[in-house]
Amino acid sequence: MSKYFSISSSWKKLQEEKGALNTALNTGALIGKTVGNVAIFGVTEIIPAVIEQSIGNTKKKLESGEGNISSTKRQEYLDRIDEYEKKKHKD
């Protein structure tokens, strides 16, 4: 089973329909599936990529010594990032 909704079947139904009610219903189904697919893509692809990029940027800044943060806190945050990365690679 695909994680996305099939738009092709809704598109075919829309092209074959005659009558305002059925056309409107199939248009609604097509729009709903499209919006659903965009939402699924955002949640499964974009958000994780943004999180990974943010973690990478944070790690670089912590390692370079940027920012006004104590060395203890800096190391604590780096350790947390390392734990996250190890856990991610296990899965």
PDB file of N, CA and C in Angstrom:
ATOM      1  N   MET A   1       0.839  -1.183   0.000  1.00  0.00           N
ATOM      2  CA  MET A   1       0.000   0.000   0.000  1.00  0.00           C
ATOM      3  C   MET A   1       0.880   1.241   0.000  1.00  0.00           C
ATOM      4  N   SER A   2       0.584   2.130  -0.897  1.00  0.00           N
ATOM      5  CA  SER A   2       1.333   3.373  -1.015  1.00  0.00           C
ATOM      6  C   SER A   2       0.950   4.323   0.114  1.00  0.00           C
ATOM      7  N   LYS A   3       1.890   5.174   0.490  1.00  0.00           N
ATOM      8  CA  LYS A   3       1.561   6.132   1.542  1.00  0.00           C
ATOM      9  C   LYS A   3       0.781   7.326   0.996  1.00  0.00           C
ATOM     10  N   TYR A   4       0.662   7.415  -0.331  1.00  0.00           N
ATOM     11  CA  TYR A   4      -0.079   8.507  -0.955  1.00  0.00           C
ATOM     12  C   TYR A   4      -1.394   8.011  -1.540  1.00  0.00           C
ATOM     13  N   PHE A   5      -2.364   8.916  -1.674  1.00  0.00           N
ATOM     14  CA  PHE A   5      -3.639   8.593  -2.291  1.00  0.00           C
ATOM     15  C   PHE A   5      -3.472   8.563  -3.810  1.00  0.00           C
ATOM     16  N   SER A   6      -4.155   7.651  -4.458  1.00  0.00           N
ATOM     17  CA  SER A   6      -4.105   7.560  -5.911  1.00  0.00           C
ATOM     18  C   SER A   6      -4.990   8.645  -6.521  1.00  0.00           C
ATOM     19  N   ILE A   7      -4.369   9.513  -7.270  1.00  0.00           N
ATOM     20  CA  ILE A   7      -5.107  10.600  -7.905  1.00  0.00           C
ATOM     21  C   ILE A   7      -5.609  10.175  -9.281  1.00  0.00           C
ATOM     22  N   SER A   8      -4.932   9.224  -9.904  1.00  0.00           N
ATOM     23  CA  SER A   8      -5.287   8.839 -11.273  1.00  0.00           C
ATOM     24  C   SER A   8      -6.720   8.302 -11.375  1.00  0.00           C
ATOM     25  N   SER A   9      -7.151   7.516 -10.388  1.00  0.00           N
ATOM     26  CA  SER A   9      -8.517   6.985 -10.442  1.00  0.00           C
ATOM     27  C   SER A   9      -9.550   8.109 -10.313  1.00  0.00           C
ATOM     28  N   SER A  10      -9.300   9.072  -9.465  1.00  0.00           N
ATOM     29  CA  SER A  10     -10.215  10.212  -9.319  1.00  0.00           C
ATOM     30  C   SER A  10     -10.230  11.063 -10.585  1.00  0.00           C
ATOM     31  N   TRP A  11      -9.076  11.202 -11.199  1.00  0.00           N
ATOM     32  CA  TRP A  11      -8.991  11.984 -12.432  1.00  0.00           C
ATOM     33  C   TRP A  11      -9.793  11.304 -13.547  1.00  0.00           C
ATOM     34  N   LYS A  12      -9.668   9.970 -13.662  1.00  0.00           N
ATOM     35  CA  LYS A  12     -10.420   9.233 -14.680  1.00  0.00           C
ATOM     36  C   LYS A  12     -11.926   9.357 -14.445  1.00  0.00           C
ATOM     37  N   LYS A  13     -12.342   9.218 -13.187  1.00  0.00           N
ATOM     38  CA  LYS A  13     -13.767   9.349 -12.860  1.00  0.00           C
ATOM     39  C   LYS A  13     -14.277  10.744 -13.216  1.00  0.00           C
ATOM     40  N   LEU A  14     -13.460  11.752 -12.938  1.00  0.00           N
ATOM     41  CA  LEU A  14     -13.849  13.122 -13.234  1.00  0.00           C
ATOM     42  C   LEU A  14     -14.024  13.322 -14.738  1.00  0.00           C
ATOM     43  N   GLN A  15     -13.133  12.755 -15.527  1.00  0.00           N
ATOM     44  CA  GLN A  15     -13.213  12.899 -16.979  1.00  0.00           C
ATOM     45  C   GLN A  15     -14.423  12.161 -17.565  1.00  0.00           C
ATOM     46  N   GLU A  16     -14.817  11.059 -16.943  1.00  0.00           N
ATOM     47  CA  GLU A  16     -15.905  10.239 -17.467  1.00  0.00           C
ATOM     48  C   GLU A  16     -17.283  10.720 -17.026  1.00  0.00           C
ATOM     49  N   GLU A  17     -17.349  11.495 -15.963  1.00  0.00           N
ATOM     50  CA  GLU A  17     -18.636  11.877 -15.394  1.00  0.00           C
ATOM     51  C   GLU A  17     -19.393  12.859 -16.261  1.00  0.00           C
ATOM     52  N   LYS A  18     -20.680  12.679 -16.224  1.00  0.00           N
ATOM     53  CA  LYS A  18     -21.593  13.617 -16.868  1.00  0.00           C
ATOM     54  C   LYS A  18     -22.599  14.030 -15.794  1.00  0.00           C
ATOM     55  N   GLY A  19     -22.856  15.271 -15.724  1.00  0.00           N
ATOM     56  CA  GLY A  19     -23.779  15.755 -14.710  1.00  0.00           C
ATOM     57  C   GLY A  19     -23.047  16.583 -13.668  1.00  0.00           C
ATOM     58  N   ALA A  20     -23.683  17.622 -13.248  1.00  0.00           N
ATOM     59  CA  ALA A  20     -23.055  18.582 -12.332  1.00  0.00           C
ATOM     60  C   ALA A  20     -22.756  17.993 -10.961  1.00  0.00           C
ATOM     61  N   LEU A  21     -23.691  17.216 -10.416  1.00  0.00           N
ATOM     62  CA  LEU A  21     -23.494  16.676  -9.065  1.00  0.00           C
ATOM     63  C   LEU A  21     -22.309  15.727  -9.015  1.00  0.00           C
ATOM     64  N   ASN A  22     -22.272  14.764  -9.929  1.00  0.00           N
ATOM     65  CA  ASN A  22     -21.168  13.804  -9.931  1.00  0.00           C
ATOM     66  C   ASN A  22     -19.836  14.474 -10.256  1.00  0.00           C
ATOM     67  N   THR A  23     -19.863  15.449 -11.134  1.00  0.00           N
ATOM     68  CA  THR A  23     -18.634  16.189 -11.442  1.00  0.00           C
ATOM     69  C   THR A  23     -18.140  16.931 -10.208  1.00  0.00           C
ATOM     70  N   ALA A  24     -19.056  17.554  -9.491  1.00  0.00           N
ATOM     71  CA  ALA A  24     -18.682  18.277  -8.275  1.00  0.00           C
ATOM     72  C   ALA A  24     -18.135  17.323  -7.215  1.00  0.00           C
ATOM     73  N   LEU A  25     -18.775  16.171  -7.055  1.00  0.00           N
ATOM     74  CA  LEU A  25     -18.306  15.192  -6.066  1.00  0.00           C
ATOM     75  C   LEU A  25     -16.925  14.666  -6.420  1.00  0.00           C
ATOM     76  N   ASN A  26     -16.724  14.352  -7.677  1.00  0.00           N
ATOM     77  CA  ASN A  26     -15.415  13.834  -8.092  1.00  0.00           C
ATOM     78  C   ASN A  26     -14.338  14.909  -8.058  1.00  0.00           C
ATOM     79  N   THR A  27     -14.728  16.143  -8.332  1.00  0.00           N
ATOM     80  CA  THR A  27     -13.767  17.246  -8.191  1.00  0.00           C
ATOM     81  C   THR A  27     -13.360  17.392  -6.726  1.00  0.00           C
ATOM     82  N   GLY A  28     -14.328  17.297  -5.838  1.00  0.00           N
ATOM     83  CA  GLY A  28     -14.025  17.354  -4.399  1.00  0.00           C
ATOM     84  C   GLY A  28     -13.110  16.229  -3.967  1.00  0.00           C
ATOM     85  N   ALA A  29     -13.349  15.027  -4.496  1.00  0.00           N
ATOM     86  CA  ALA A  29     -12.493  13.888  -4.159  1.00  0.00           C
ATOM     87  C   ALA A  29     -11.077  14.113  -4.666  1.00  0.00           C
ATOM     88  N   LEU A  30     -10.945  14.631  -5.883  1.00  0.00           N
ATOM     89  CA  LEU A  30      -9.625  14.895  -6.452  1.00  0.00           C
ATOM     90  C   LEU A  30      -8.878  15.950  -5.645  1.00  0.00           C
ATOM     91  N   ILE A  31      -9.574  17.007  -5.298  1.00  0.00           N
ATOM     92  CA  ILE A  31      -8.954  18.072  -4.489  1.00  0.00           C
ATOM     93  C   ILE A  31      -8.577  17.541  -3.109  1.00  0.00           C
ATOM     94  N   GLY A  32      -9.461  16.765  -2.501  1.00  0.00           N
ATOM     95  CA  GLY A  32      -9.177  16.200  -1.181  1.00  0.00           C
ATOM     96  C   GLY A  32      -7.960  15.290  -1.186  1.00  0.00           C
ATOM     97  N   LYS A  33      -7.865  14.438  -2.210  1.00  0.00           N
ATOM     98  CA  LYS A  33      -6.704  13.544  -2.306  1.00  0.00           C
ATOM     99  C   LYS A  33      -5.419  14.334  -2.545  1.00  0.00           C
ATOM    100  N   THR A  34      -5.517  15.383  -3.362  1.00  0.00           N
ATOM    101  CA  THR A  34      -4.337  16.210  -3.626  1.00  0.00           C
ATOM    102  C   THR A  34      -3.868  16.905  -2.356  1.00  0.00           C
ATOM    103  N   VAL A  35      -4.787  17.490  -1.623  1.00  0.00           N
ATOM    104  CA  VAL A  35      -4.440  18.161  -0.362  1.00  0.00           C
ATOM    105  C   VAL A  35      -3.875  17.139   0.634  1.00  0.00           C
ATOM    106  N   GLY A  36      -4.493  15.970   0.682  1.00  0.00           N
ATOM    107  CA  GLY A  36      -3.995  14.906   1.555  1.00  0.00           C
ATOM    108  C   GLY A  36      -2.584  14.493   1.206  1.00  0.00           C
ATOM    109  N   ASN A  37      -2.299  14.353  -0.093  1.00  0.00           N
ATOM    110  CA  ASN A  37      -0.952  13.973  -0.523  1.00  0.00           C
ATOM    111  C   ASN A  37       0.082  15.038  -0.164  1.00  0.00           C
ATOM    112  N   VAL A  38      -0.297  16.292  -0.321  1.00  0.00           N
ATOM    113  CA  VAL A  38       0.617  17.379   0.050  1.00  0.00           C
ATOM    114  C   VAL A  38       0.894  17.338   1.553  1.00  0.00           C
ATOM    115  N   ALA A  39      -0.131  17.105   2.346  1.00  0.00           N
ATOM    116  CA  ALA A  39       0.048  17.024   3.802  1.00  0.00           C
ATOM    117  C   ALA A  39       0.922  15.832   4.182  1.00  0.00           C
ATOM    118  N   ILE A  40       0.674  14.686   3.563  1.00  0.00           N
ATOM    119  CA  ILE A  40       1.488  13.498   3.846  1.00  0.00           C
ATOM    120  C   ILE A  40       2.943  13.756   3.485  1.00  0.00           C
ATOM    121  N   PHE A  41       3.170  14.380   2.323  1.00  0.00           N
ATOM    122  CA  PHE A  41       4.534  14.688   1.902  1.00  0.00           C
ATOM    123  C   PHE A  41       5.213  15.610   2.909  1.00  0.00           C
ATOM    124  N   GLY A  42       4.487  16.619   3.352  1.00  0.00           N
ATOM    125  CA  GLY A  42       5.059  17.556   4.319  1.00  0.00           C
ATOM    126  C   GLY A  42       5.452  16.888   5.620  1.00  0.00           C
ATOM    127  N   VAL A  43       4.588  16.015   6.107  1.00  0.00           N
ATOM    128  CA  VAL A  43       4.839  15.352   7.387  1.00  0.00           C
ATOM    129  C   VAL A  43       5.926  14.291   7.271  1.00  0.00           C
ATOM    130  N   THR A  44       5.945  13.537   6.175  1.00  0.00           N
ATOM    131  CA  THR A  44       6.883  12.417   6.070  1.00  0.00           C
ATOM    132  C   THR A  44       8.213  12.777   5.432  1.00  0.00           C
ATOM    133  N   GLU A  45       8.271  13.869   4.687  1.00  0.00           N
ATOM    134  CA  GLU A  45       9.507  14.214   3.981  1.00  0.00           C
ATOM    135  C   GLU A  45      10.096  15.552   4.415  1.00  0.00           C
ATOM    136  N   ILE A  46       9.294  16.583   4.397  1.00  0.00           N
ATOM    137  CA  ILE A  46       9.819  17.930   4.631  1.00  0.00           C
ATOM    138  C   ILE A  46      10.177  18.157   6.097  1.00  0.00           C
ATOM    139  N   ILE A  47       9.271  17.851   7.003  1.00  0.00           N
ATOM    140  CA  ILE A  47       9.548  18.098   8.426  1.00  0.00           C
ATOM    141  C   ILE A  47      10.770  17.331   8.919  1.00  0.00           C
ATOM    142  N   PRO A  48      10.896  16.011   8.618  1.00  0.00           N
ATOM    143  CA  PRO A  48      12.117  15.318   9.045  1.00  0.00           C
ATOM    144  C   PRO A  48      13.394  15.913   8.448  1.00  0.00           C
ATOM    145  N   ALA A  49      13.327  16.364   7.190  1.00  0.00           N
ATOM    146  CA  ALA A  49      14.507  16.970   6.566  1.00  0.00           C
ATOM    147  C   ALA A  49      14.884  18.283   7.250  1.00  0.00           C
ATOM    148  N   VAL A  50      13.881  19.067   7.610  1.00  0.00           N
ATOM    149  CA  VAL A  50      14.142  20.332   8.306  1.00  0.00           C
ATOM    150  C   VAL A  50      14.751  20.057   9.680  1.00  0.00           C
ATOM    151  N   ILE A  51      14.233  19.064  10.361  1.00  0.00           N
ATOM    152  CA  ILE A  51      14.772  18.710  11.685  1.00  0.00           C
ATOM    153  C   ILE A  51      16.229  18.264  11.570  1.00  0.00           C
ATOM    154  N   GLU A  52      16.506  17.401  10.598  1.00  0.00           N
ATOM    155  CA  GLU A  52      17.883  16.927  10.411  1.00  0.00           C
ATOM    156  C   GLU A  52      18.825  18.078  10.077  1.00  0.00           C
ATOM    157  N   GLN A  53      18.381  18.986   9.224  1.00  0.00           N
ATOM    158  CA  GLN A  53      19.201  20.142   8.868  1.00  0.00           C
ATOM    159  C   GLN A  53      19.454  21.020  10.085  1.00  0.00           C
ATOM    160  N   SER A  54      18.431  21.210  10.890  1.00  0.00           N
ATOM    161  CA  SER A  54      18.564  22.028  12.087  1.00  0.00           C
ATOM    162  C   SER A  54      19.538  21.393  13.082  1.00  0.00           C
ATOM    163  N   ILE A  55      19.448  20.091  13.243  1.00  0.00           N
ATOM    164  CA  ILE A  55      20.369  19.382  14.142  1.00  0.00           C
ATOM    165  C   ILE A  55      21.807  19.523  13.645  1.00  0.00           C
ATOM    166  N   GLY A  56      21.975  19.362  12.332  1.00  0.00           N
ATOM    167  CA  GLY A  56      23.320  19.500  11.754  1.00  0.00           C
ATOM    168  C   GLY A  56      23.893  20.890  11.956  1.00  0.00           C
ATOM    169  N   ASN A  57      23.072  21.905  11.723  1.00  0.00           N
ATOM    170  CA  ASN A  57      23.528  23.288  11.913  1.00  0.00           C
ATOM    171  C   ASN A  57      23.863  23.572  13.373  1.00  0.00           C
ATOM    172  N   THR A  58      23.023  23.066  14.270  1.00  0.00           N
ATOM    173  CA  THR A  58      23.259  23.263  15.704  1.00  0.00           C
ATOM    174  C   THR A  58      24.564  22.597  16.121  1.00  0.00           C
ATOM    175  N   LYS A  59      24.782  21.377  15.641  1.00  0.00           N
ATOM    176  CA  LYS A  59      26.011  20.658  15.988  1.00  0.00           C
ATOM    177  C   LYS A  59      27.245  21.414  15.498  1.00  0.00           C
ATOM    178  N   LYS A  60      27.190  21.935  14.271  1.00  0.00           N
ATOM    179  CA  LYS A  60      28.326  22.697  13.738  1.00  0.00           C
ATOM    180  C   LYS A  60      28.606  23.936  14.588  1.00  0.00           C
ATOM    181  N   LYS A  61      27.548  24.636  14.976  1.00  0.00           N
ATOM    182  CA  LYS A  61      27.733  25.838  15.786  1.00  0.00           C
ATOM    183  C   LYS A  61      28.287  25.496  17.163  1.00  0.00           C
ATOM    184  N   LEU A  62      27.788  24.409  17.751  1.00  0.00           N
ATOM    185  CA  LEU A  62      28.296  24.002  19.065  1.00  0.00           C
ATOM    186  C   LEU A  62      29.767  23.592  18.968  1.00  0.00           C
ATOM    187  N   GLU A  63      30.118  22.854  17.938  1.00  0.00           N
ATOM    188  CA  GLU A  63      31.505  22.395  17.777  1.00  0.00           C
ATOM    189  C   GLU A  63      32.460  23.547  17.484  1.00  0.00           C
ATOM    190  N   SER A  64      31.963  24.581  16.803  1.00  0.00           N
ATOM    191  CA  SER A  64      32.837  25.718  16.468  1.00  0.00           C
ATOM    192  C   SER A  64      32.974  26.697  17.625  1.00  0.00           C
ATOM    193  N   GLY A  65      32.145  26.554  18.653  1.00  0.00           N
ATOM    194  CA  GLY A  65      32.234  27.438  19.808  1.00  0.00           C
ATOM    195  C   GLY A  65      31.410  28.704  19.665  1.00  0.00           C
ATOM    196  N   GLU A  66      30.566  28.768  18.644  1.00  0.00           N
ATOM    197  CA  GLU A  66      29.716  29.950  18.458  1.00  0.00           C
ATOM    198  C   GLU A  66      28.714  30.067  19.598  1.00  0.00           C
ATOM    199  N   GLY A  67      28.346  31.273  19.893  1.00  0.00           N
ATOM    200  CA  GLY A  67      27.310  31.510  20.887  1.00  0.00           C
ATOM    201  C   GLY A  67      27.862  31.672  22.283  1.00  0.00           C
ATOM    202  N   ASN A  68      27.041  32.212  23.128  1.00  0.00           N
ATOM    203  CA  ASN A  68      27.414  32.476  24.512  1.00  0.00           C
ATOM    204  C   ASN A  68      26.834  31.367  25.375  1.00  0.00           C
ATOM    205  N   ILE A  69      27.554  30.264  25.470  1.00  0.00           N
ATOM    206  CA  ILE A  69      27.078  29.096  26.208  1.00  0.00           C
ATOM    207  C   ILE A  69      28.258  28.479  26.942  1.00  0.00           C
ATOM    208  N   SER A  70      28.012  27.986  28.131  1.00  0.00           N
ATOM    209  CA  SER A  70      29.104  27.409  28.922  1.00  0.00           C
ATOM    210  C   SER A  70      29.607  26.119  28.264  1.00  0.00           C
ATOM    211  N   SER A  71      30.822  25.778  28.525  1.00  0.00           N
ATOM    212  CA  SER A  71      31.395  24.563  27.930  1.00  0.00           C
ATOM    213  C   SER A  71      30.679  23.313  28.435  1.00  0.00           C
ATOM    214  N   THR A  72      30.179  23.352  29.656  1.00  0.00           N
ATOM    215  CA  THR A  72      29.437  22.214  30.201  1.00  0.00           C
ATOM    216  C   THR A  72      28.142  21.995  29.428  1.00  0.00           C
ATOM    217  N   LYS A  73      27.396  23.078  29.234  1.00  0.00           N
ATOM    218  CA  LYS A  73      26.143  22.985  28.481  1.00  0.00           C
ATOM    219  C   LYS A  73      26.421  22.604  27.029  1.00  0.00           C
ATOM    220  N   ARG A  74      27.470  23.184  26.457  1.00  0.00           N
ATOM    221  CA  ARG A  74      27.829  22.879  25.076  1.00  0.00           C
ATOM    222  C   ARG A  74      28.072  21.378  24.918  1.00  0.00           C
ATOM    223  N   GLN A  75      28.821  20.789  25.837  1.00  0.00           N
ATOM    224  CA  GLN A  75      29.107  19.356  25.766  1.00  0.00           C
ATOM    225  C   GLN A  75      27.850  18.528  26.008  1.00  0.00           C
ATOM    226  N   GLU A  76      26.995  18.985  26.902  1.00  0.00           N
ATOM    227  CA  GLU A  76      25.737  18.286  27.168  1.00  0.00           C
ATOM    228  C   GLU A  76      24.885  18.214  25.894  1.00  0.00           C
ATOM    229  N   TYR A  77      24.789  19.339  25.194  1.00  0.00           N
ATOM    230  CA  TYR A  77      24.001  19.369  23.958  1.00  0.00           C
ATOM    231  C   TYR A  77      24.642  18.492  22.876  1.00  0.00           C
ATOM    232  N   LEU A  78      25.950  18.537  22.772  1.00  0.00           N
ATOM    233  CA  LEU A  78      26.639  17.686  21.787  1.00  0.00           C
ATOM    234  C   LEU A  78      26.424  16.202  22.099  1.00  0.00           C
ATOM    235  N   ASP A  79      26.446  15.855  23.378  1.00  0.00           N
ATOM    236  CA  ASP A  79      26.192  14.465  23.771  1.00  0.00           C
ATOM    237  C   ASP A  79      24.776  14.033  23.397  1.00  0.00           C
ATOM    238  N   ARG A  80      23.828  14.933  23.609  1.00  0.00           N
ATOM    239  CA  ARG A  80      22.439  14.614  23.243  1.00  0.00           C
ATOM    240  C   ARG A  80      22.301  14.406  21.734  1.00  0.00           C
ATOM    241  N   ILE A  81      22.964  15.242  20.959  1.00  0.00           N
ATOM    242  CA  ILE A  81      22.922  15.089  19.502  1.00  0.00           C
ATOM    243  C   ILE A  81      23.554  13.768  19.091  1.00  0.00           C
ATOM    244  N   ASP A  82      24.674  13.423  19.714  1.00  0.00           N
ATOM    245  CA  ASP A  82      25.331  12.146  19.403  1.00  0.00           C
ATOM    246  C   ASP A  82      24.440  10.959  19.745  1.00  0.00           C
ATOM    247  N   GLU A  83      23.750  11.024  20.885  1.00  0.00           N
ATOM    248  CA  GLU A  83      22.817   9.954  21.265  1.00  0.00           C
ATOM    249  C   GLU A  83      21.700   9.825  20.239  1.00  0.00           C
ATOM    250  N   TYR A  84      21.171  10.967  19.799  1.00  0.00           N
ATOM    251  CA  TYR A  84      20.103  10.954  18.800  1.00  0.00           C
ATOM    252  C   TYR A  84      20.602  10.317  17.499  1.00  0.00           C
ATOM    253  N   GLU A  85      21.800  10.702  17.073  1.00  0.00           N
ATOM    254  CA  GLU A  85      22.338  10.181  15.815  1.00  0.00           C
ATOM    255  C   GLU A  85      22.613   8.674  15.904  1.00  0.00           C
ATOM    256  N   LYS A  86      23.107   8.213  17.044  1.00  0.00           N
ATOM    257  CA  LYS A  86      23.328   6.775  17.225  1.00  0.00           C
ATOM    258  C   LYS A  86      22.018   6.015  17.180  1.00  0.00           C
ATOM    259  N   LYS A  87      21.000   6.533  17.864  1.00  0.00           N
ATOM    260  CA  LYS A  87      19.695   5.891  17.876  1.00  0.00           C
ATOM    261  C   LYS A  87      19.091   5.854  16.480  1.00  0.00           C
ATOM    262  N   LYS A  88      19.247   6.951  15.746  1.00  0.00           N
ATOM    263  CA  LYS A  88      18.712   7.041  14.383  1.00  0.00           C
ATOM    264  C   LYS A  88      19.356   5.998  13.468  1.00  0.00           C
ATOM    265  N   HIS A  89      20.641   5.789  13.616  1.00  0.00           N
ATOM    266  CA  HIS A  89      21.349   4.822  12.765  1.00  0.00           C
ATOM    267  C   HIS A  89      21.029   3.385  13.115  1.00  0.00           C
ATOM    268  N   LYS A  90      20.615   3.136  14.369  1.00  0.00           N
ATOM    269  CA  LYS A  90      20.212   1.793  14.776  1.00  0.00           C
ATOM    270  C   LYS A  90      18.898   1.390  14.111  1.00  0.00           C
ATOM    271  N   ASP A  91      17.983   2.356  13.994  1.00  0.00           N
ATOM    272  CA  ASP A  91      16.650   2.101  13.435  1.00  0.00           C
ATOM    273  C   ASP A  91      16.745   1.985  11.977  1.00  0.00           C
TER     274      ASP A  91
END
